[in-house]
């Protein structure tokens, strides 16, 4: 954790999406297309400034081919 910065659930989720996306060598645009989202919305999710609905989370999980734990775990704890 960066000193003084609290990792809220939207920030943790967004960082995990970004980490998984880059591990798959996907651009924001290509992941957004696979998940049927706009690139701008995906960018906001990754930044932790937007909280996705459960339907959007399911779409991202399918597009990334990952587990629920990979999406939600806080690896900095």
N, C-alpha and C. Protein backbone atom coordinates (compact mmCIF):
# COMPACT_ATOMS: atom_id res chain seq x y z
N UNK A 1 0.84 -1.18 0.00
CA UNK A 1 0.00 0.00 0.00
C UNK A 1 0.88 1.24 0.00
N UNK A 2 0.52 2.20 -0.81
CA UNK A 2 1.21 3.48 -0.82
C UNK A 2 0.85 4.20 0.47
N UNK A 3 1.83 4.80 1.13
CA UNK A 3 1.60 5.46 2.40
C UNK A 3 0.48 6.48 2.30
N UNK A 4 -0.50 6.36 3.22
CA UNK A 4 -1.59 7.32 3.27
C UNK A 4 -2.69 7.11 2.27
N UNK A 5 -2.57 6.12 1.37
CA UNK A 5 -3.59 5.88 0.35
C UNK A 5 -4.32 4.60 0.70
N UNK A 6 -5.63 4.72 0.97
CA UNK A 6 -6.43 3.55 1.30
C UNK A 6 -6.90 2.88 0.00
N UNK A 7 -6.67 1.59 -0.06
CA UNK A 7 -7.09 0.82 -1.24
C UNK A 7 -8.54 0.39 -1.04
N UNK A 8 -9.44 1.13 -1.64
CA UNK A 8 -10.86 0.83 -1.54
C UNK A 8 -11.20 -0.33 -2.48
N UNK A 9 -12.35 -1.00 -2.27
CA UNK A 9 -12.72 -2.10 -3.17
C UNK A 9 -12.71 -1.72 -4.66
N UNK A 10 -13.23 -0.54 -5.07
CA UNK A 10 -13.15 -0.21 -6.50
C UNK A 10 -11.71 -0.08 -7.01
N UNK A 11 -10.81 0.42 -6.16
CA UNK A 11 -9.40 0.55 -6.56
C UNK A 11 -8.76 -0.82 -6.67
N UNK A 12 -9.01 -1.68 -5.70
CA UNK A 12 -8.47 -3.04 -5.73
C UNK A 12 -8.97 -3.78 -6.97
N UNK A 13 -10.27 -3.71 -7.22
CA UNK A 13 -10.86 -4.38 -8.38
C UNK A 13 -10.23 -3.85 -9.67
N UNK A 14 -10.15 -2.53 -9.79
CA UNK A 14 -9.59 -1.92 -10.99
C UNK A 14 -8.14 -2.30 -11.23
N UNK A 15 -7.36 -2.33 -10.16
CA UNK A 15 -5.95 -2.72 -10.30
C UNK A 15 -5.84 -4.18 -10.72
N UNK A 16 -6.71 -5.02 -10.19
CA UNK A 16 -6.69 -6.43 -10.59
C UNK A 16 -7.08 -6.61 -12.05
N UNK A 17 -8.10 -5.88 -12.50
CA UNK A 17 -8.49 -5.96 -13.92
C UNK A 17 -7.31 -5.53 -14.79
N UNK A 18 -6.67 -4.44 -14.43
CA UNK A 18 -5.53 -3.94 -15.20
C UNK A 18 -4.39 -4.95 -15.22
N UNK A 19 -4.08 -5.52 -14.05
CA UNK A 19 -3.00 -6.52 -13.96
C UNK A 19 -3.31 -7.74 -14.82
N UNK A 20 -4.53 -8.24 -14.74
CA UNK A 20 -4.92 -9.42 -15.53
C UNK A 20 -4.91 -9.10 -17.02
N UNK A 21 -5.40 -7.92 -17.38
CA UNK A 21 -5.43 -7.51 -18.80
C UNK A 21 -4.02 -7.43 -19.37
N UNK A 22 -3.11 -6.81 -18.63
CA UNK A 22 -1.75 -6.66 -19.15
C UNK A 22 -1.02 -8.01 -19.19
N UNK A 23 -1.33 -8.89 -18.25
CA UNK A 23 -0.73 -10.24 -18.27
C UNK A 23 -1.15 -11.00 -19.52
N UNK A 24 -2.36 -10.72 -20.01
CA UNK A 24 -2.86 -11.36 -21.24
C UNK A 24 -2.44 -10.59 -22.49
N UNK A 25 -1.69 -9.50 -22.28
CA UNK A 25 -1.22 -8.65 -23.38
C UNK A 25 -2.40 -8.08 -24.20
N UNK A 26 -3.45 -7.69 -23.48
CA UNK A 26 -4.61 -7.07 -24.11
C UNK A 26 -4.56 -5.57 -23.91
N UNK A 27 -4.99 -4.83 -24.89
CA UNK A 27 -5.14 -3.38 -24.72
C UNK A 27 -6.48 -3.13 -24.03
N UNK A 28 -6.65 -1.93 -23.52
CA UNK A 28 -7.96 -1.59 -22.95
C UNK A 28 -9.03 -1.72 -24.01
N UNK A 29 -8.72 -1.30 -25.21
CA UNK A 29 -9.70 -1.38 -26.30
C UNK A 29 -10.10 -2.82 -26.61
N UNK A 30 -9.12 -3.73 -26.66
CA UNK A 30 -9.45 -5.12 -26.99
C UNK A 30 -10.23 -5.79 -25.86
N UNK A 31 -9.88 -5.52 -24.60
CA UNK A 31 -10.64 -6.10 -23.49
C UNK A 31 -12.05 -5.51 -23.46
N UNK A 32 -12.16 -4.22 -23.66
CA UNK A 32 -13.48 -3.59 -23.68
C UNK A 32 -14.37 -4.22 -24.75
N UNK A 33 -13.80 -4.48 -25.90
CA UNK A 33 -14.56 -5.11 -26.98
C UNK A 33 -15.00 -6.52 -26.59
N UNK A 34 -14.07 -7.30 -26.01
CA UNK A 34 -14.40 -8.67 -25.58
C UNK A 34 -15.49 -8.70 -24.51
N UNK A 35 -15.49 -7.68 -23.64
CA UNK A 35 -16.45 -7.62 -22.54
C UNK A 35 -17.69 -6.80 -22.88
N UNK A 36 -17.75 -6.31 -24.12
CA UNK A 36 -18.88 -5.50 -24.58
C UNK A 36 -19.06 -4.23 -23.75
N UNK A 37 -17.94 -3.54 -23.51
CA UNK A 37 -17.93 -2.28 -22.77
C UNK A 37 -17.27 -1.21 -23.62
N UNK A 38 -17.44 0.04 -23.24
CA UNK A 38 -16.69 1.09 -23.91
C UNK A 38 -15.29 1.16 -23.30
N UNK A 39 -14.32 1.57 -24.09
CA UNK A 39 -12.96 1.69 -23.58
C UNK A 39 -12.91 2.72 -22.46
N UNK A 40 -13.64 3.78 -22.60
CA UNK A 40 -13.65 4.84 -21.58
C UNK A 40 -14.18 4.31 -20.24
N UNK A 41 -15.23 3.48 -20.28
CA UNK A 41 -15.77 2.91 -19.05
C UNK A 41 -14.75 1.95 -18.43
N UNK A 42 -14.12 1.12 -19.25
CA UNK A 42 -13.09 0.21 -18.75
C UNK A 42 -11.95 1.01 -18.12
N UNK A 43 -11.55 2.09 -18.75
CA UNK A 43 -10.49 2.95 -18.21
C UNK A 43 -10.89 3.47 -16.82
N UNK A 44 -12.14 3.86 -16.65
CA UNK A 44 -12.63 4.36 -15.36
C UNK A 44 -12.66 3.25 -14.31
N UNK A 45 -13.02 2.04 -14.73
CA UNK A 45 -13.00 0.90 -13.80
C UNK A 45 -11.58 0.64 -13.33
N UNK A 46 -10.64 0.59 -14.27
CA UNK A 46 -9.24 0.33 -13.91
C UNK A 46 -8.67 1.42 -13.01
N UNK A 47 -9.14 2.64 -13.18
CA UNK A 47 -8.68 3.76 -12.34
C UNK A 47 -9.35 3.76 -10.97
N UNK A 48 -10.40 2.96 -10.82
CA UNK A 48 -11.11 2.90 -9.55
C UNK A 48 -12.08 4.03 -9.35
N UNK A 49 -12.40 4.76 -10.42
CA UNK A 49 -13.32 5.89 -10.30
C UNK A 49 -14.76 5.52 -10.62
N UNK A 50 -14.98 4.35 -11.19
CA UNK A 50 -16.33 3.84 -11.47
C UNK A 50 -16.46 2.46 -10.86
N UNK A 51 -17.62 2.19 -10.29
CA UNK A 51 -17.91 0.87 -9.74
C UNK A 51 -18.83 0.13 -10.70
N UNK A 52 -18.38 -0.99 -11.25
CA UNK A 52 -19.19 -1.71 -12.23
C UNK A 52 -20.35 -2.47 -11.57
N UNK A 53 -21.38 -2.71 -12.34
CA UNK A 53 -22.49 -3.54 -11.88
C UNK A 53 -22.04 -5.00 -11.86
N UNK A 54 -22.83 -5.85 -11.22
CA UNK A 54 -22.50 -7.27 -11.19
C UNK A 54 -22.48 -7.85 -12.61
N UNK A 55 -23.35 -7.39 -13.49
CA UNK A 55 -23.35 -7.87 -14.87
C UNK A 55 -22.04 -7.52 -15.57
N UNK A 56 -21.54 -6.32 -15.34
CA UNK A 56 -20.28 -5.90 -15.93
C UNK A 56 -19.12 -6.70 -15.36
N UNK A 57 -19.17 -6.98 -14.07
CA UNK A 57 -18.12 -7.78 -13.45
C UNK A 57 -18.09 -9.18 -14.07
N UNK A 58 -19.26 -9.77 -14.28
CA UNK A 58 -19.34 -11.10 -14.91
C UNK A 58 -18.78 -11.04 -16.33
N UNK A 59 -19.11 -10.01 -17.08
CA UNK A 59 -18.59 -9.86 -18.45
C UNK A 59 -17.06 -9.77 -18.44
N UNK A 60 -16.52 -9.00 -17.50
CA UNK A 60 -15.06 -8.87 -17.41
C UNK A 60 -14.42 -10.19 -17.01
N UNK A 61 -15.03 -10.90 -16.06
CA UNK A 61 -14.51 -12.20 -15.63
C UNK A 61 -14.43 -13.16 -16.81
N UNK A 62 -15.49 -13.22 -17.61
CA UNK A 62 -15.50 -14.11 -18.77
C UNK A 62 -14.46 -13.68 -19.80
N UNK A 63 -14.36 -12.39 -20.06
CA UNK A 63 -13.41 -11.87 -21.06
C UNK A 63 -11.97 -12.11 -20.63
N UNK A 64 -11.71 -12.05 -19.33
CA UNK A 64 -10.35 -12.25 -18.82
C UNK A 64 -10.04 -13.73 -18.57
N UNK A 65 -11.08 -14.55 -18.47
CA UNK A 65 -10.89 -15.98 -18.20
C UNK A 65 -10.22 -16.21 -16.85
N UNK A 66 -10.64 -15.47 -15.85
CA UNK A 66 -10.00 -15.54 -14.54
C UNK A 66 -10.98 -16.02 -13.48
N UNK A 67 -10.47 -16.20 -12.27
CA UNK A 67 -11.31 -16.62 -11.14
C UNK A 67 -11.86 -15.38 -10.43
N UNK A 68 -12.86 -15.63 -9.60
CA UNK A 68 -13.41 -14.54 -8.78
C UNK A 68 -12.32 -14.01 -7.84
N UNK A 69 -11.55 -14.91 -7.28
CA UNK A 69 -10.50 -14.50 -6.36
C UNK A 69 -9.48 -13.58 -7.03
N UNK A 70 -9.13 -13.88 -8.28
CA UNK A 70 -8.17 -13.03 -9.00
C UNK A 70 -8.73 -11.62 -9.19
N UNK A 71 -10.03 -11.50 -9.33
CA UNK A 71 -10.64 -10.18 -9.52
C UNK A 71 -10.74 -9.38 -8.23
N UNK A 72 -10.95 -10.07 -7.11
CA UNK A 72 -11.28 -9.36 -5.88
C UNK A 72 -10.22 -9.39 -4.80
N UNK A 73 -9.18 -10.23 -4.94
CA UNK A 73 -8.21 -10.33 -3.85
C UNK A 73 -7.36 -9.06 -3.72
N UNK A 74 -7.07 -8.73 -2.48
CA UNK A 74 -6.23 -7.58 -2.17
C UNK A 74 -4.84 -8.12 -1.87
N UNK A 75 -4.00 -8.16 -2.87
CA UNK A 75 -2.67 -8.78 -2.74
C UNK A 75 -1.69 -7.94 -1.93
N UNK A 76 -2.05 -6.70 -1.59
CA UNK A 76 -1.15 -5.85 -0.80
C UNK A 76 -1.31 -6.04 0.68
N UNK A 77 -2.30 -6.83 1.12
CA UNK A 77 -2.50 -7.06 2.56
C UNK A 77 -1.49 -8.04 3.09
